Amino acid sequence: VAQAENLAALDADLAAKREFLSVTRKRQALGLSTPLDTLRAAVALANLEPERRNAAQNLRDAGARLNLAMGREPLTPLTVTGEQAVELDPLPARVPAAAVAARSDLRQIELLQSILRKNRGAQKAQHRPYLSADASYGYVTSEFDQLFDTGHDFWSASVTLTVPLFDGLSTRGKVTETEASIRRTGIEYRDALRQAELELESTLGELAAARETLLAASLNEQAAAEALAQTQQRYGLGKADYLSVLDAQTQHRLARQNGIAARSQVLGLTATVKRLLGHDPREALGAVLDALPAADAAASGR
């Protein structure tokens, strides 16, 4: 998305420089500017063409990497449609630990702990006394026509009590090993949870700072666009020189690039926050944040 926006910005700059070159030529014809000014305008336009080609190549490379990430052929056509909205929902001052625990990697560790506990129970059960019962009923005869005659049926039943006495400490060793695995997994879970909480808090701070940067970049871009429009208008009236226009164009282009970079950073950090909370990055940020109290209440009720 950022590469597509950068390419669109360069296309707009090219159109502006072509128009500026046309105005400069008209001013030269009227004797209001020198041939050097016209040459500089033509050089500025020519210098922007290679940069535009590089931006187009960067967009193709980004599309190829995205195709590879989705398991498709690198050259499969992609289209950037619409504009991805920047979500500016208020960020929470504190995120419940239960919401962080909903992450798939932490849930995986929890499930592993549950499996180990069940294995421990099964291992202990193997060394405990247990009863087994067996019963049977049927007919015994050498002639088929005597099959249902009296005296040919039989039944049997048995109950067996098994008391394990000694298995070479095999069961005890397995249980001890499993308990050690449970403790190790518990330590890993707590460490992963703390790391996840720290990562989330850090990302939320970065997102808040990135939003402020985006706001400043948007204001700077608006101011630079207004300054460029006024300078070009004054240049057309002969009240500004070429260097003033060139400086205004440079400032506007820099402000636009900063705005694209700031917007891309906010979009990326917003998606990261959703992922760290165990949600799909495509979900709305407002819905993700609204689910935090419910996750905390569900964890408290368990």
C-alpha atoms as a PDB file:
ATOM      1  CA  VAL A   1       0.000   0.000   0.000  1.00  0.00           C
ATOM      2  CA  ALA A   2       2.822   2.397   0.883  1.00  0.00           C
ATOM      3  CA  GLN A   3       4.614   1.662  -2.405  1.00  0.00           C
ATOM      4  CA  ALA A   4       1.406   2.295  -4.352  1.00  0.00           C
ATOM      5  CA  GLU A   5       0.884   5.608  -2.556  1.00  0.00           C
ATOM      6  CA  ASN A   6       4.494   6.597  -3.221  1.00  0.00           C
ATOM      7  CA  LEU A   7       4.067   5.834  -6.924  1.00  0.00           C
ATOM      8  CA  ALA A   8       0.860   7.878  -7.042  1.00  0.00           C
ATOM      9  CA  ALA A   9       2.658  10.783  -5.358  1.00  0.00           C
ATOM     10  CA  LEU A  10       5.446  10.653  -7.940  1.00  0.00           C
ATOM     11  CA  ASP A  11       2.893  10.636 -10.761  1.00  0.00           C
ATOM     12  CA  ALA A  12       1.346  13.765  -9.260  1.00  0.00           C
ATOM     13  CA  ASP A  13       4.790  15.376  -8.998  1.00  0.00           C
ATOM     14  CA  LEU A  14       5.511  14.549 -12.635  1.00  0.00           C
ATOM     15  CA  ALA A  15       2.249  16.164 -13.717  1.00  0.00           C
ATOM     16  CA  ALA A  16       3.045  19.256 -11.649  1.00  0.00           C
ATOM     17  CA  LYS A  17       6.557  19.539 -13.102  1.00  0.00           C
ATOM     18  CA  ARG A  18       5.242  19.176 -16.655  1.00  0.00           C
ATOM     19  CA  GLU A  19       2.807  21.981 -16.014  1.00  0.00           C
ATOM     20  CA  PHE A  20       5.559  24.056 -14.412  1.00  0.00           C
ATOM     21  CA  LEU A  21       7.800  23.489 -17.450  1.00  0.00           C
ATOM     22  CA  SER A  22       4.976  24.660 -19.708  1.00  0.00           C
ATOM     23  CA  VAL A  23       4.509  27.806 -17.614  1.00  0.00           C
ATOM     24  CA  THR A  24       8.257  28.486 -17.633  1.00  0.00           C
ATOM     25  CA  ARG A  25       8.388  28.238 -21.407  1.00  0.00           C
ATOM     26  CA  LYS A  26       5.530  30.703 -21.705  1.00  0.00           C
ATOM     27  CA  ARG A  27       7.289  33.079 -19.320  1.00  0.00           C
ATOM     28  CA  GLN A  28      10.457  32.787 -21.378  1.00  0.00           C
ATOM     29  CA  ALA A  29       8.505  33.629 -24.518  1.00  0.00           C
ATOM     30  CA  LEU A  30       7.206  36.738 -22.755  1.00  0.00           C
ATOM     31  CA  GLY A  31      10.673  37.642 -21.558  1.00  0.00           C
ATOM     32  CA  LEU A  32       9.799  37.066 -17.888  1.00  0.00           C
ATOM     33  CA  SER A  33      12.293  34.240 -17.347  1.00  0.00           C
ATOM     34  CA  THR A  34      15.626  33.164 -18.738  1.00  0.00           C
ATOM     35  CA  PRO A  35      16.482  30.128 -20.869  1.00  0.00           C
ATOM     36  CA  LEU A  36      18.364  28.824 -17.826  1.00  0.00           C
ATOM     37  CA  ASP A  37      15.119  28.703 -15.845  1.00  0.00           C
ATOM     38  CA  THR A  38      13.482  26.683 -18.624  1.00  0.00           C
ATOM     39  CA  LEU A  39      16.470  24.342 -18.763  1.00  0.00           C
ATOM     40  CA  ARG A  40      16.347  23.814 -14.992  1.00  0.00           C
ATOM     41  CA  ALA A  41      12.635  23.002 -15.157  1.00  0.00           C
ATOM     42  CA  ALA A  42      13.279  20.476 -17.938  1.00  0.00           C
ATOM     43  CA  VAL A  43      16.151  18.902 -15.966  1.00  0.00           C
ATOM     44  CA  ALA A  44      13.989  18.627 -12.840  1.00  0.00           C
ATOM     45  CA  LEU A  45      11.335  16.811 -14.876  1.00  0.00           C
ATOM     46  CA  ALA A  46      13.906  14.490 -16.457  1.00  0.00           C
ATOM     47  CA  ASN A  47      15.456  13.666 -13.073  1.00  0.00           C
ATOM     48  CA  LEU A  48      12.086  12.582 -11.739  1.00  0.00           C
ATOM     49  CA  GLU A  49      11.467  10.024 -14.497  1.00  0.00           C
ATOM     50  CA  PRO A  50      14.061   7.463 -13.255  1.00  0.00           C
ATOM     51  CA  GLU A  51      12.760   7.826  -9.721  1.00  0.00           C
ATOM     52  CA  ARG A  52       9.280   7.075 -10.985  1.00  0.00           C
ATOM     53  CA  ARG A  53      10.553   3.923 -12.720  1.00  0.00           C
ATOM     54  CA  ASN A  54      12.281   2.839  -9.494  1.00  0.00           C
ATOM     55  CA  ALA A  55       9.055   3.390  -7.563  1.00  0.00           C
ATOM     56  CA  ALA A  56       7.148   1.274 -10.082  1.00  0.00           C
ATOM     57  CA  GLN A  57       9.744  -1.497  -9.705  1.00  0.00           C
ATOM     58  CA  ASN A  58       9.505  -1.279  -5.916  1.00  0.00           C
ATOM     59  CA  LEU A  59       5.739  -1.704  -6.198  1.00  0.00           C
ATOM     60  CA  ARG A  60       6.183  -4.793  -8.384  1.00  0.00           C
ATOM     61  CA  ASP A  61       8.730  -6.234  -5.940  1.00  0.00           C
ATOM     62  CA  ALA A  62       6.380  -5.630  -3.017  1.00  0.00           C
ATOM     63  CA  GLY A  63       3.601  -7.374  -4.926  1.00  0.00           C
ATOM     64  CA  ALA A  64       5.866 -10.343  -5.645  1.00  0.00           C
ATOM     65  CA  ARG A  65       6.771 -10.667  -1.960  1.00  0.00           C
ATOM     66  CA  LEU A  66       3.101 -10.484  -1.028  1.00  0.00           C
ATOM     67  CA  ASN A  67       2.271 -13.213  -3.555  1.00  0.00           C
ATOM     68  CA  LEU A  68       4.996 -15.431  -2.113  1.00  0.00           C
ATOM     69  CA  ALA A  69       3.678 -14.849   1.407  1.00  0.00           C
ATOM     70  CA  MET A  70       0.226 -15.960   0.219  1.00  0.00           C
ATOM     71  CA  GLY A  71       1.651 -19.055  -1.488  1.00  0.00           C
ATOM     72  CA  ARG A  72       1.065 -17.785  -5.030  1.00  0.00           C
ATOM     73  CA  GLU A  73       3.289 -17.276  -8.036  1.00  0.00           C
ATOM     74  CA  PRO A  74       5.402 -14.093  -7.680  1.00  0.00           C
ATOM     75  CA  LEU A  75       4.151 -12.570 -10.941  1.00  0.00           C
ATOM     76  CA  THR A  76       0.450 -13.110 -10.227  1.00  0.00           C
ATOM     77  CA  PRO A  77      -1.280  -9.765 -10.928  1.00  0.00           C
ATOM     78  CA  LEU A  78      -2.268  -7.731  -7.868  1.00  0.00           C
ATOM     79  CA  THR A  79      -4.323  -4.577  -7.641  1.00  0.00           C
ATOM     80  CA  VAL A  80      -4.341  -2.051  -4.817  1.00  0.00           C
ATOM     81  CA  THR A  81      -7.999  -1.062  -4.607  1.00  0.00           C
ATOM     82  CA  GLY A  82      -9.512   1.620  -2.441  1.00  0.00           C
ATOM     83  CA  GLU A  83      -7.807   3.330   0.450  1.00  0.00           C
ATOM     84  CA  GLN A  84      -7.051   1.581   3.703  1.00  0.00           C
ATOM     85  CA  ALA A  85      -8.528   3.745   6.423  1.00  0.00           C
ATOM     86  CA  VAL A  86      -6.414   4.790   9.392  1.00  0.00           C
ATOM     87  CA  GLU A  87      -8.166   3.686  12.593  1.00  0.00           C
ATOM     88  CA  LEU A  88      -7.893   6.304  15.336  1.00  0.00           C
ATOM     89  CA  ASP A  89      -9.982   4.710  18.098  1.00  0.00           C
ATOM     90  CA  PRO A  90      -8.843   5.772  21.603  1.00  0.00           C
ATOM     91  CA  LEU A  91      -6.183   3.421  22.936  1.00  0.00           C
ATOM     92  CA  PRO A  92      -6.679   1.842  26.379  1.00  0.00           C
ATOM     93  CA  ALA A  93      -4.490   2.938  29.262  1.00  0.00           C
ATOM     94  CA  ARG A  94      -4.266  -0.670  30.434  1.00  0.00           C
ATOM     95  CA  VAL A  95      -4.863  -3.973  28.673  1.00  0.00           C
ATOM     96  CA  PRO A  96      -6.110  -6.918  30.798  1.00  0.00           C
ATOM     97  CA  ALA A  97      -3.714  -9.848  30.974  1.00  0.00           C
ATOM     98  CA  ALA A  98      -6.579 -12.135  29.974  1.00  0.00           C
ATOM     99  CA  ALA A  99      -6.825 -10.334  26.634  1.00  0.00           C
ATOM    100  CA  VAL A 100      -3.130 -10.893  25.989  1.00  0.00           C
ATOM    101  CA  ALA A 101      -3.516 -14.567  26.941  1.00  0.00           C
ATOM    102  CA  ALA A 102      -5.892 -15.029  23.999  1.00  0.00           C
ATOM    103  CA  ARG A 103      -2.914 -15.062  21.636  1.00  0.00           C
ATOM    104  CA  SER A 104      -2.550 -18.299  19.700  1.00  0.00           C
ATOM    105  CA  ASP A 105       1.015 -18.975  20.876  1.00  0.00           C
ATOM    106  CA  LEU A 106       0.015 -18.616  24.537  1.00  0.00           C
ATOM    107  CA  ARG A 107      -3.081 -20.747  24.015  1.00  0.00           C
ATOM    108  CA  GLN A 108      -0.838 -23.404  22.503  1.00  0.00           C
ATOM    109  CA  ILE A 109       1.279 -23.518  25.667  1.00  0.00           C
ATOM    110  CA  GLU A 110      -1.876 -23.740  27.808  1.00  0.00           C
ATOM    111  CA  LEU A 111      -3.150 -26.681  25.758  1.00  0.00           C
ATOM    112  CA  LEU A 112       0.222 -28.391  26.090  1.00  0.00           C
ATOM    113  CA  GLN A 113       0.000 -28.018  29.872  1.00  0.00           C
ATOM    114  CA  SER A 114      -3.476 -29.551  29.846  1.00  0.00           C
ATOM    115  CA  ILE A 115      -2.264 -32.515  27.797  1.00  0.00           C
ATOM    116  CA  LEU A 116       0.661 -33.082  30.158  1.00  0.00           C
ATOM    117  CA  ARG A 117      -1.645 -33.061  33.192  1.00  0.00           C
ATOM    118  CA  LYS A 118      -3.920 -35.633  31.581  1.00  0.00           C
ATOM    119  CA  ASN A 119      -0.906 -37.783  30.720  1.00  0.00           C
ATOM    120  CA  ARG A 120       0.233 -37.577  34.331  1.00  0.00           C
ATOM    121  CA  GLY A 121      -3.175 -38.785  35.513  1.00  0.00           C
ATOM    122  CA  ALA A 122      -3.086 -41.690  33.067  1.00  0.00           C
ATOM    123  CA  GLN A 123       0.416 -42.655  34.191  1.00  0.00           C
ATOM    124  CA  LYS A 124      -0.597 -42.625  37.865  1.00  0.00           C
ATOM    125  CA  ALA A 125      -3.678 -44.728  37.108  1.00  0.00           C
ATOM    126  CA  GLN A 126      -1.483 -47.490  35.678  1.00  0.00           C
ATOM    127  CA  HIS A 127       0.016 -48.138  39.145  1.00  0.00           C
ATOM    128  CA  ARG A 128      -3.247 -48.178  41.089  1.00  0.00           C
ATOM    129  CA  PRO A 129      -5.418 -51.239  41.904  1.00  0.00           C
ATOM    130  CA  TYR A 130      -8.179 -51.834  39.415  1.00  0.00           C
ATOM    131  CA  LEU A 131     -11.037 -54.303  38.881  1.00  0.00           C
ATOM    132  CA  SER A 132     -11.832 -56.062  35.649  1.00  0.00           C
ATOM    133  CA  ALA A 133     -14.990 -58.102  35.005  1.00  0.00           C
ATOM    134  CA  ASP A 134     -15.741 -60.681  32.332  1.00  0.00           C
ATOM    135  CA  ALA A 135     -18.939 -62.599  31.556  1.00  0.00           C
ATOM    136  CA  SER A 136     -20.101 -64.930  28.797  1.00  0.00           C
ATOM    137  CA  TYR A 137     -23.227 -66.895  27.853  1.00  0.00           C
ATOM    138  CA  GLY A 138     -23.835 -69.392  25.046  1.00  0.00           C
ATOM    139  CA  TYR A 139     -24.744 -72.897  23.864  1.00  0.00           C
ATOM    140  CA  VAL A 140     -22.608 -76.000  23.401  1.00  0.00           C
ATOM    141  CA  THR A 141     -23.786 -78.892  21.197  1.00  0.00           C
ATOM    142  CA  SER A 142     -22.555 -81.189  18.498  1.00  0.00           C
ATOM    143  CA  GLU A 143     -25.881 -81.295  16.657  1.00  0.00           C
ATOM    144  CA  PHE A 144     -27.592 -78.264  15.250  1.00  0.00           C
ATOM    145  CA  ASP A 145     -31.111 -79.493  16.084  1.00  0.00           C
ATOM    146  CA  GLN A 146     -30.085 -79.786  19.764  1.00  0.00           C
ATOM    147  CA  LEU A 147     -28.945 -76.189  19.927  1.00  0.00           C
ATOM    148  CA  PHE A 148     -31.897 -74.933  21.976  1.00  0.00           C
ATOM    149  CA  ASP A 149     -32.499 -78.049  24.068  1.00  0.00           C
ATOM    150  CA  THR A 150     -32.324 -77.788  27.845  1.00  0.00           C
ATOM    151  CA  GLY A 151     -28.926 -78.424  29.301  1.00  0.00           C
ATOM    152  CA  HIS A 152     -26.905 -77.201  26.365  1.00  0.00           C
ATOM    153  CA  ASP A 153     -26.663 -73.561  27.478  1.00  0.00           C
ATOM    154  CA  PHE A 154     -23.931 -72.265  29.747  1.00  0.00           C
ATOM    155  CA  TRP A 155     -22.755 -69.061  31.364  1.00  0.00           C
ATOM    156  CA  SER A 156     -19.692 -67.859  33.205  1.00  0.00           C
ATOM    157  CA  ALA A 157     -18.628 -64.710  35.057  1.00  0.00           C
ATOM    158  CA  SER A 158     -15.399 -63.578  36.664  1.00  0.00           C
ATOM    159  CA  VAL A 159     -14.100 -60.579  38.549  1.00  0.00           C
ATOM    160  CA  THR A 160     -10.373 -59.884  38.733  1.00  0.00           C
ATOM    161  CA  LEU A 161      -8.643 -57.519  41.147  1.00  0.00           C
ATOM    162  CA  THR A 162      -5.229 -56.366  39.940  1.00  0.00           C
ATOM    163  CA  VAL A 163      -2.898 -54.802  42.482  1.00  0.00           C
ATOM    164  CA  PRO A 164       0.376 -53.541  40.937  1.00  0.00           C
ATOM    165  CA  LEU A 165       3.156 -54.147  43.438  1.00  0.00           C
ATOM    166  CA  PHE A 166       6.437 -53.311  41.745  1.00  0.00           C
ATOM    167  CA  ASP A 167       7.260 -52.175  38.229  1.00  0.00           C
ATOM    168  CA  GLY A 168      10.860 -51.235  38.740  1.00  0.00           C
ATOM    169  CA  LEU A 169       9.866 -47.632  39.586  1.00  0.00           C
ATOM    170  CA  SER A 170       9.001 -47.152  35.917  1.00  0.00           C
ATOM    171  CA  THR A 171       5.639 -45.491  36.612  1.00  0.00           C
ATOM    172  CA  ARG A 172       7.092 -43.249  39.297  1.00  0.00           C
ATOM    173  CA  GLY A 173       9.859 -42.156  36.932  1.00  0.00           C
ATOM    174  CA  LYS A 174       7.379 -41.368  34.162  1.00  0.00           C
ATOM    175  CA  VAL A 175       5.189 -39.354  36.547  1.00  0.00           C
ATOM    176  CA  THR A 176       8.195 -37.428  37.864  1.00  0.00           C
ATOM    177  CA  GLU A 177       9.319 -36.666  34.319  1.00  0.00           C
ATOM    178  CA  THR A 178       5.849 -35.481  33.336  1.00  0.00           C
ATOM    179  CA  GLU A 179       5.579 -33.267  36.432  1.00  0.00           C
ATOM    180  CA  ALA A 180       8.925 -31.701  35.546  1.00  0.00           C
ATOM    181  CA  SER A 181       7.600 -31.025  32.043  1.00  0.00           C
ATOM    182  CA  ILE A 182       4.480 -29.420  33.535  1.00  0.00           C
ATOM    183  CA  ARG A 183       6.578 -27.127  35.731  1.00  0.00           C
ATOM    184  CA  ARG A 184       8.861 -26.220  32.826  1.00  0.00           C
ATOM    185  CA  THR A 185       5.878 -25.479  30.599  1.00  0.00           C
ATOM    186  CA  GLY A 186       4.358 -23.329  33.351  1.00  0.00           C
ATOM    187  CA  ILE A 187       7.553 -21.293  33.589  1.00  0.00           C
ATOM    188  CA  GLU A 188       7.640 -20.928  29.809  1.00  0.00           C
ATOM    189  CA  TYR A 189       4.015 -19.787  29.809  1.00  0.00           C
ATOM    190  CA  ARG A 190       4.555 -17.141  32.480  1.00  0.00           C
ATOM    191  CA  ASP A 191       7.669 -15.877  30.713  1.00  0.00           C
ATOM    192  CA  ALA A 192       5.867 -15.789  27.351  1.00  0.00           C
ATOM    193  CA  LEU A 193       2.925 -13.972  28.950  1.00  0.00           C
ATOM    194  CA  ARG A 194       5.211 -11.320  30.455  1.00  0.00           C
ATOM    195  CA  GLN A 195       6.991 -10.906  27.133  1.00  0.00           C
ATOM    196  CA  ALA A 196       3.641 -10.580  25.352  1.00  0.00           C
ATOM    197  CA  GLU A 197       2.430  -7.947  27.825  1.00  0.00           C
ATOM    198  CA  LEU A 198       5.676  -6.004  27.437  1.00  0.00           C
ATOM    199  CA  GLU A 199       5.516  -6.237  23.646  1.00  0.00           C
ATOM    200  CA  LEU A 200       1.911  -5.050  23.647  1.00  0.00           C
ATOM    201  CA  GLU A 201       2.601  -2.107  25.959  1.00  0.00           C
ATOM    202  CA  SER A 202       5.590  -1.110  23.828  1.00  0.00           C
ATOM    203  CA  THR A 203       3.585  -1.381  20.611  1.00  0.00           C
ATOM    204  CA  LEU A 204       0.730   0.669  22.062  1.00  0.00           C
ATOM    205  CA  GLY A 205       3.231   3.381  22.976  1.00  0.00           C
ATOM    206  CA  GLU A 206       4.727   3.293  19.492  1.00  0.00           C
ATOM    207  CA  LEU A 207       1.253   3.484  17.956  1.00  0.00           C
ATOM    208  CA  ALA A 208       0.341   6.523  20.070  1.00  0.00           C
ATOM    209  CA  ALA A 209       3.569   8.257  19.004  1.00  0.00           C
ATOM    210  CA  ALA A 210       3.020   7.266  15.367  1.00  0.00           C
ATOM    211  CA  ARG A 211      -0.465   8.777  15.448  1.00  0.00           C
ATOM    212  CA  GLU A 212       0.954  12.077  16.677  1.00  0.00           C
ATOM    213  CA  THR A 213       3.599  11.928  13.958  1.00  0.00           C
ATOM    214  CA  LEU A 214       0.904  11.276  11.356  1.00  0.00           C
ATOM    215  CA  LEU A 215      -1.109  14.265  12.575  1.00  0.00           C
ATOM    216  CA  ALA A 216       1.942  16.514  12.340  1.00  0.00           C
ATOM    217  CA  ALA A 217       2.841  15.110   8.915  1.00  0.00           C
ATOM    218  CA  SER A 218      -0.699  15.722   7.641  1.00  0.00           C
ATOM    219  CA  LEU A 219      -0.595  19.333   8.811  1.00  0.00           C
ATOM    220  CA  ASN A 220       2.836  19.838   7.248  1.00  0.00           C
ATOM    221  CA  GLU A 221       1.628  18.341   3.972  1.00  0.00           C
ATOM    222  CA  GLN A 222      -1.383  20.655   3.892  1.00  0.00           C
ATOM    223  CA  ALA A 223       0.800  23.673   4.634  1.00  0.00           C
ATOM    224  CA  ALA A 224       3.357  22.651   1.996  1.00  0.00           C
ATOM    225  CA  ALA A 225       0.632  22.130  -0.615  1.00  0.00           C
ATOM    226  CA  GLU A 226      -0.828  25.565   0.115  1.00  0.00           C
ATOM    227  CA  ALA A 227       2.613  27.187  -0.004  1.00  0.00           C
ATOM    228  CA  LEU A 228       3.379  25.496  -3.323  1.00  0.00           C
ATOM    229  CA  ALA A 229       0.082  26.610  -4.855  1.00  0.00           C
ATOM    230  CA  GLN A 230       0.654  30.219  -3.771  1.00  0.00           C
ATOM    231  CA  THR A 231       4.271  30.227  -4.960  1.00  0.00           C
ATOM    232  CA  GLN A 232       3.319  28.819  -8.370  1.00  0.00           C
ATOM    233  CA  GLN A 233       0.574  31.408  -8.688  1.00  0.00           C
ATOM    234  CA  ARG A 234       3.003  34.200  -7.816  1.00  0.00           C
ATOM    235  CA  TYR A 235       5.521  32.732 -10.272  1.00  0.00           C
ATOM    236  CA  GLY A 236       2.911  32.823 -13.029  1.00  0.00           C
ATOM    237  CA  LEU A 237       2.322  36.502 -12.243  1.00  0.00           C
ATOM    238  CA  GLY A 238       6.031  37.251 -12.256  1.00  0.00           C
ATOM    239  CA  LYS A 239       6.203  37.935  -8.499  1.00  0.00           C
ATOM    240  CA  ALA A 240       8.326  34.905  -7.565  1.00  0.00           C
ATOM    241  CA  ASP A 241      11.508  33.482  -9.034  1.00  0.00           C
ATOM    242  CA  TYR A 242      12.305  29.952 -10.141  1.00  0.00           C
ATOM    243  CA  LEU A 243      14.279  29.081  -7.004  1.00  0.00           C
ATOM    244  CA  SER A 244      11.279  29.890  -4.808  1.00  0.00           C
ATOM    245  CA  VAL A 245       9.109  27.499  -6.810  1.00  0.00           C
ATOM    246  CA  LEU A 246      11.788  24.810  -6.736  1.00  0.00           C
ATOM    247  CA  ASP A 247      12.097  25.133  -2.977  1.00  0.00           C
ATOM    248  CA  ALA A 248       8.307  24.952  -2.538  1.00  0.00           C
ATOM    249  CA  GLN A 249       8.148  21.838  -4.737  1.00  0.00           C
ATOM    250  CA  THR A 250      10.907  20.181  -2.731  1.00  0.00           C
ATOM    251  CA  GLN A 251       9.213  20.969   0.576  1.00  0.00           C
ATOM    252  CA  HIS A 252       5.870  19.679  -0.675  1.00  0.00           C
ATOM    253  CA  ARG A 253       7.367  16.466  -1.971  1.00  0.00           C
ATOM    254  CA  LEU A 254       9.240  15.878   1.285  1.00  0.00           C
ATOM    255  CA  ALA A 255       6.079  16.551   3.301  1.00  0.00           C
ATOM    256  CA  ARG A 256       4.121  14.100   1.154  1.00  0.00           C
ATOM    257  CA  GLN A 257       6.763  11.392   1.555  1.00  0.00           C
ATOM    258  CA  ASN A 258       6.753  11.919   5.322  1.00  0.00           C
ATOM    259  CA  GLY A 259       2.965  11.645   5.334  1.00  0.00           C
ATOM    260  CA  ILE A 260       3.045   8.368   3.402  1.00  0.00           C
ATOM    261  CA  ALA A 261       5.681   6.927   5.734  1.00  0.00           C
ATOM    262  CA  ALA A 262       3.762   8.038   8.847  1.00  0.00           C
ATOM    263  CA  ARG A 263       0.500   6.596   7.543  1.00  0.00           C
ATOM    264  CA  SER A 264       2.165   3.303   6.675  1.00  0.00           C
ATOM    265  CA  GLN A 265       3.664   3.102  10.159  1.00  0.00           C
ATOM    266  CA  VAL A 266       0.290   3.699  11.821  1.00  0.00           C
ATOM    267  CA  LEU A 267      -1.360   1.028   9.664  1.00  0.00           C
ATOM    268  CA  GLY A 268       1.385  -1.483  10.453  1.00  0.00           C
ATOM    269  CA  LEU A 269       1.368  -0.822  14.201  1.00  0.00           C
ATOM    270  CA  THR A 270      -2.436  -1.003  14.306  1.00  0.00           C
ATOM    271  CA  ALA A 271      -2.332  -4.438  12.672  1.00  0.00           C
ATOM    272  CA  THR A 272       0.381  -5.505  15.129  1.00  0.00           C
ATOM    273  CA  VAL A 273      -1.751  -4.468  18.121  1.00  0.00           C
ATOM    274  CA  LYS A 274      -4.659  -6.549  16.818  1.00  0.00           C
ATOM    275  CA  ARG A 275      -2.393  -9.557  16.338  1.00  0.00           C
ATOM    276  CA  LEU A 276      -0.888  -9.186  19.807  1.00  0.00           C
ATOM    277  CA  LEU A 277      -4.414  -9.246  21.238  1.00  0.00           C
ATOM    278  CA  GLY A 278      -5.140 -12.510  19.435  1.00  0.00           C
ATOM    279  CA  HIS A 279      -7.381 -11.017  16.735  1.00  0.00           C
ATOM    280  CA  ASP A 280      -7.350 -10.986  12.963  1.00  0.00           C
ATOM    281  CA  PRO A 281      -5.642  -7.792  11.680  1.00  0.00           C
ATOM    282  CA  ARG A 282      -8.583  -7.361   9.312  1.00  0.00           C
ATOM    283  CA  GLU A 283     -10.988  -6.856  12.221  1.00  0.00           C
ATOM    284  CA  ALA A 284     -12.002  -3.316  13.120  1.00  0.00           C
ATOM    285  CA  LEU A 285      -9.857  -1.851  15.893  1.00  0.00           C
ATOM    286  CA  GLY A 286     -12.954  -0.577  17.697  1.00  0.00           C
ATOM    287  CA  ALA A 287     -14.425  -4.091  17.871  1.00  0.00           C
ATOM    288  CA  VAL A 288     -11.122  -5.487  19.146  1.00  0.00           C
ATOM    289  CA  LEU A 289     -10.892  -2.881  21.914  1.00  0.00           C
ATOM    290  CA  ASP A 290     -14.564  -3.337  22.842  1.00  0.00           C
ATOM    291  CA  ALA A 291     -13.893  -7.047  23.418  1.00  0.00           C
ATOM    292  CA  LEU A 292     -11.230  -6.376  26.080  1.00  0.00           C
ATOM    293  CA  PRO A 293     -13.612  -5.976  29.076  1.00  0.00           C
ATOM    294  CA  ALA A 294     -15.483  -9.134  28.077  1.00  0.00           C
ATOM    295  CA  ALA A 295     -12.232 -11.111  27.939  1.00  0.00           C
ATOM    296  CA  ASP A 296     -11.238  -9.823  31.381  1.00  0.00           C
ATOM    297  CA  ALA A 297     -14.650 -10.694  32.858  1.00  0.00           C
ATOM    298  CA  ALA A 298     -14.548 -14.187  31.361  1.00  0.00           C
ATOM    299  CA  ALA A 299     -11.103 -14.790  32.838  1.00  0.00           C
ATOM    300  CA  SER A 300     -12.250 -13.561  36.279  1.00  0.00           C
ATOM    301  CA  GLY A 301     -15.213 -15.913  36.211  1.00  0.00           C
ATOM    302  CA  ARG A 302     -13.118 -18.999  35.555  1.00  0.00           C
END
